Amino acid sequence: MGNLTLIDKKQLTLDAARKMAEACEAAAKAQNLKMVIAVVDDGGYLLHFIRMDGVAPAAAEVGIAKARSAALFGRSTKSWEEAAKDRTVILKIPNVMPLGGGVPLMAEGQRVGAIGVSGSTSVKDDEIAQAGAALLA
């Protein structure tokens, strides 16, 4: 490889994505919530998706957008929601979703993806996303 230096990169597996989504689904069911749960890789591309029975169809796009936003920027969508209250120009940044429920996933200091949850309030969406992210903690 000549003089090139490469890095070792952690990667989210399908099995891990599935388990995190299932943890979110269990947390939602425990609270009688109907939600969409999207798990994406570090580039914001969908790895696993759950759309619970009875959730509004539009929630699917919102959940995926929350996951993509958290993955690409490495920060929760809840933080974008707070920041946009004082600086509405933030809403013009591509791929920013300023609604709670998108949580970045970190492994050994590396961003490996994100979870996006939609279907309830921003607070509940974020709480359910955290239930899946907790498996990496």
C-alpha atoms as a PDB file:
ATOM      1  CA  MET A   1       0.000   0.000   0.000  1.00  0.00           C
ATOM      2  CA  GLY A   2       2.920   2.322  -0.374  1.00  0.00           C
ATOM      3  CA  ASN A   3       2.928   5.273   1.989  1.00  0.00           C
ATOM      4  CA  LEU A   4      -0.810   5.448   2.498  1.00  0.00           C
ATOM      5  CA  THR A   5      -2.195   5.375   6.004  1.00  0.00           C
ATOM      6  CA  LEU A   6      -5.593   3.839   6.620  1.00  0.00           C
ATOM      7  CA  ILE A   7      -7.772   3.902   9.728  1.00  0.00           C
ATOM      8  CA  ASP A   8      -9.660   1.140  11.435  1.00  0.00           C
ATOM      9  CA  LYS A   9     -13.332   1.918  11.399  1.00  0.00           C
ATOM     10  CA  LYS A  10     -16.077   0.476  13.562  1.00  0.00           C
ATOM     11  CA  GLN A  11     -19.185  -0.510  11.641  1.00  0.00           C
ATOM     12  CA  LEU A  12     -22.721  -1.175  12.796  1.00  0.00           C
ATOM     13  CA  THR A  13     -23.890  -4.685  11.906  1.00  0.00           C
ATOM     14  CA  LEU A  14     -27.355  -5.642  10.776  1.00  0.00           C
ATOM     15  CA  ASP A  15     -27.700  -7.801  13.890  1.00  0.00           C
ATOM     16  CA  ALA A  16     -26.827  -4.866  16.163  1.00  0.00           C
ATOM     17  CA  ALA A  17     -29.208  -2.571  14.252  1.00  0.00           C
ATOM     18  CA  ARG A  18     -31.999  -5.129  14.573  1.00  0.00           C
ATOM     19  CA  LYS A  19     -31.450  -5.558  18.332  1.00  0.00           C
ATOM     20  CA  MET A  20     -31.466  -1.800  18.930  1.00  0.00           C
ATOM     21  CA  ALA A  21     -34.645  -1.376  16.888  1.00  0.00           C
ATOM     22  CA  GLU A  22     -36.280  -4.212  18.825  1.00  0.00           C
ATOM     23  CA  ALA A  23     -35.293  -2.545  22.121  1.00  0.00           C
ATOM     24  CA  CYS A  24     -36.958   0.648  20.911  1.00  0.00           C
ATOM     25  CA  GLU A  25     -40.048  -1.283  19.838  1.00  0.00           C
ATOM     26  CA  ALA A  26     -40.303  -2.982  23.254  1.00  0.00           C
ATOM     27  CA  ALA A  27     -39.980   0.403  25.002  1.00  0.00           C
ATOM     28  CA  ALA A  28     -42.703   1.851  22.766  1.00  0.00           C
ATOM     29  CA  LYS A  29     -45.035  -1.102  23.394  1.00  0.00           C
ATOM     30  CA  ALA A  30     -44.493  -0.773  27.159  1.00  0.00           C
ATOM     31  CA  GLN A  31     -45.924   2.752  26.888  1.00  0.00           C
ATOM     32  CA  ASN A  32     -48.678   1.837  24.408  1.00  0.00           C
ATOM     33  CA  LEU A  33     -47.025   3.939  21.685  1.00  0.00           C
ATOM     34  CA  LYS A  34     -47.137   3.268  17.962  1.00  0.00           C
ATOM     35  CA  MET A  35     -43.880   4.338  16.367  1.00  0.00           C
ATOM     36  CA  VAL A  36     -41.506   4.166  13.468  1.00  0.00           C
ATOM     37  CA  ILE A  37     -37.947   3.116  14.301  1.00  0.00           C
ATOM     38  CA  ALA A  38     -35.125   3.617  11.807  1.00  0.00           C
ATOM     39  CA  VAL A  39     -31.519   2.554  12.330  1.00  0.00           C
ATOM     40  CA  VAL A  40     -28.961   3.919   9.865  1.00  0.00           C
ATOM     41  CA  ASP A  41     -25.211   3.565   9.335  1.00  0.00           C
ATOM     42  CA  ASP A  42     -22.719   6.431   9.743  1.00  0.00           C
ATOM     43  CA  GLY A  43     -23.593   7.722   6.260  1.00  0.00           C
ATOM     44  CA  GLY A  44     -27.288   7.912   7.090  1.00  0.00           C
ATOM     45  CA  TYR A  45     -28.278   4.884   5.019  1.00  0.00           C
ATOM     46  CA  LEU A  46     -31.032   2.626   6.319  1.00  0.00           C
ATOM     47  CA  LEU A  47     -29.972  -0.657   7.943  1.00  0.00           C
ATOM     48  CA  HIS A  48     -33.145  -1.668   9.766  1.00  0.00           C
ATOM     49  CA  PHE A  49     -36.661  -0.270   9.900  1.00  0.00           C
ATOM     50  CA  ILE A  50     -39.772  -1.011  11.951  1.00  0.00           C
ATOM     51  CA  ARG A  51     -43.150   0.565  11.301  1.00  0.00           C
ATOM     52  CA  MET A  52     -45.474  -0.527  14.068  1.00  0.00           C
ATOM     53  CA  ASP A  53     -49.123  -1.254  13.254  1.00  0.00           C
ATOM     54  CA  GLY A  54     -51.277   1.850  13.293  1.00  0.00           C
ATOM     55  CA  VAL A  55     -48.544   4.493  13.027  1.00  0.00           C
ATOM     56  CA  ALA A  56     -49.201   7.315  10.581  1.00  0.00           C
ATOM     57  CA  PRO A  57     -47.525   6.796   7.179  1.00  0.00           C
ATOM     58  CA  ALA A  58     -45.790  10.198   7.306  1.00  0.00           C
ATOM     59  CA  ALA A  59     -43.963   9.120  10.461  1.00  0.00           C
ATOM     60  CA  ALA A  60     -41.854   6.788   8.289  1.00  0.00           C
ATOM     61  CA  GLU A  61     -40.168   9.651   6.424  1.00  0.00           C
ATOM     62  CA  VAL A  62     -39.749  11.687   9.612  1.00  0.00           C
ATOM     63  CA  GLY A  63     -38.131   8.795  11.508  1.00  0.00           C
ATOM     64  CA  ILE A  64     -35.655   8.111   8.720  1.00  0.00           C
ATOM     65  CA  ALA A  65     -34.848  11.834   8.434  1.00  0.00           C
ATOM     66  CA  LYS A  66     -34.201  12.030  12.194  1.00  0.00           C
ATOM     67  CA  ALA A  67     -31.823   9.061  12.014  1.00  0.00           C
ATOM     68  CA  ARG A  68     -30.017  10.484   8.978  1.00  0.00           C
ATOM     69  CA  SER A  69     -29.613  13.891  10.637  1.00  0.00           C
ATOM     70  CA  ALA A  70     -28.185  12.381  13.837  1.00  0.00           C
ATOM     71  CA  ALA A  71     -25.805  10.154  11.867  1.00  0.00           C
ATOM     72  CA  LEU A  72     -24.479  12.838   9.531  1.00  0.00           C
ATOM     73  CA  PHE A  73     -23.963  15.519  12.162  1.00  0.00           C
ATOM     74  CA  GLY A  74     -23.127  13.309  15.137  1.00  0.00           C
ATOM     75  CA  ARG A  75     -25.546  15.147  17.385  1.00  0.00           C
ATOM     76  CA  SER A  76     -29.048  14.498  18.580  1.00  0.00           C
ATOM     77  CA  THR A  77     -31.950  16.017  16.722  1.00  0.00           C
ATOM     78  CA  LYS A  78     -33.162  17.217  20.114  1.00  0.00           C
ATOM     79  CA  SER A  79     -30.125  19.540  20.170  1.00  0.00           C
ATOM     80  CA  TRP A  80     -31.116  20.898  16.733  1.00  0.00           C
ATOM     81  CA  GLU A  81     -34.640  21.466  18.017  1.00  0.00           C
ATOM     82  CA  GLU A  82     -33.295  23.544  20.915  1.00  0.00           C
ATOM     83  CA  ALA A  83     -30.841  25.476  18.717  1.00  0.00           C
ATOM     84  CA  ALA A  84     -33.489  26.302  16.089  1.00  0.00           C
ATOM     85  CA  LYS A  85     -35.627  28.103  18.674  1.00  0.00           C
ATOM     86  CA  ASP A  86     -33.152  30.997  18.730  1.00  0.00           C
ATOM     87  CA  ARG A  87     -31.599  30.592  15.278  1.00  0.00           C
ATOM     88  CA  THR A  88     -34.194  29.694  12.659  1.00  0.00           C
ATOM     89  CA  VAL A  89     -31.524  29.858   9.953  1.00  0.00           C
ATOM     90  CA  ILE A  90     -30.569  26.366  11.173  1.00  0.00           C
ATOM     91  CA  LEU A  91     -33.686  25.114   9.377  1.00  0.00           C
ATOM     92  CA  LYS A  92     -31.966  25.890   6.059  1.00  0.00           C
ATOM     93  CA  ILE A  93     -29.057  23.481   6.665  1.00  0.00           C
ATOM     94  CA  PRO A  94     -29.511  20.360   4.506  1.00  0.00           C
ATOM     95  CA  ASN A  95     -30.332  17.162   6.417  1.00  0.00           C
ATOM     96  CA  VAL A  96     -31.026  18.931   9.718  1.00  0.00           C
ATOM     97  CA  MET A  97     -34.147  17.556  11.391  1.00  0.00           C
ATOM     98  CA  PRO A  98     -35.005  19.812  14.341  1.00  0.00           C
ATOM     99  CA  LEU A  99     -37.331  17.418  16.175  1.00  0.00           C
ATOM    100  CA  GLY A 100     -36.280  15.186  19.065  1.00  0.00           C
ATOM    101  CA  GLY A 101     -36.020  11.473  18.359  1.00  0.00           C
ATOM    102  CA  GLY A 102     -32.754  11.182  16.430  1.00  0.00           C
ATOM    103  CA  VAL A 103     -29.823   9.850  18.465  1.00  0.00           C
ATOM    104  CA  PRO A 104     -26.282   9.255  17.177  1.00  0.00           C
ATOM    105  CA  LEU A 105     -24.699   5.878  17.929  1.00  0.00           C
ATOM    106  CA  MET A 106     -21.109   5.827  19.163  1.00  0.00           C
ATOM    107  CA  ALA A 107     -18.770   2.845  19.630  1.00  0.00           C
ATOM    108  CA  GLU A 108     -15.324   3.349  21.170  1.00  0.00           C
ATOM    109  CA  GLY A 109     -15.404   7.030  20.277  1.00  0.00           C
ATOM    110  CA  GLN A 110     -16.437   6.439  16.671  1.00  0.00           C
ATOM    111  CA  ARG A 111     -19.793   7.373  15.169  1.00  0.00           C
ATOM    112  CA  VAL A 112     -21.301   4.199  13.713  1.00  0.00           C
ATOM    113  CA  GLY A 113     -24.824   5.331  12.896  1.00  0.00           C
ATOM    114  CA  ALA A 114     -27.995   6.606  14.492  1.00  0.00           C
ATOM    115  CA  ILE A 115     -31.519   5.739  15.541  1.00  0.00           C
ATOM    116  CA  GLY A 116     -34.525   7.813  14.506  1.00  0.00           C
ATOM    117  CA  VAL A 117     -37.913   7.419  16.141  1.00  0.00           C
ATOM    118  CA  SER A 118     -41.160   9.124  15.166  1.00  0.00           C
ATOM    119  CA  GLY A 119     -44.820   8.783  16.053  1.00  0.00           C
ATOM    120  CA  SER A 120     -45.286  10.620  19.328  1.00  0.00           C
ATOM    121  CA  THR A 121     -43.991  13.846  20.880  1.00  0.00           C
ATOM    122  CA  SER A 122     -40.370  14.918  20.495  1.00  0.00           C
ATOM    123  CA  VAL A 123     -39.773  14.026  24.143  1.00  0.00           C
ATOM    124  CA  LYS A 124     -41.247  10.526  23.819  1.00  0.00           C
ATOM    125  CA  ASP A 125     -39.559   9.918  20.460  1.00  0.00           C
ATOM    126  CA  ASP A 126     -36.209  10.806  22.005  1.00  0.00           C
ATOM    127  CA  GLU A 127     -36.858   8.616  25.057  1.00  0.00           C
ATOM    128  CA  ILE A 128     -37.648   5.594  22.879  1.00  0.00           C
ATOM    129  CA  ALA A 129     -34.588   6.185  20.654  1.00  0.00           C
ATOM    130  CA  GLN A 130     -32.408   6.316  23.773  1.00  0.00           C
ATOM    131  CA  ALA A 131     -33.683   2.849  24.757  1.00  0.00           C
ATOM    132  CA  GLY A 132     -32.043   1.403  21.646  1.00  0.00           C
ATOM    133  CA  ALA A 133     -28.897   3.508  21.859  1.00  0.00           C
ATOM    134  CA  ALA A 134     -28.382   2.329  25.437  1.00  0.00           C
ATOM    135  CA  LEU A 135     -27.381  -1.100  24.108  1.00  0.00           C
ATOM    136  CA  LEU A 136     -24.100   0.414  22.879  1.00  0.00           C
ATOM    137  CA  ALA A 137     -23.357   2.193  26.161  1.00  0.00           C
END
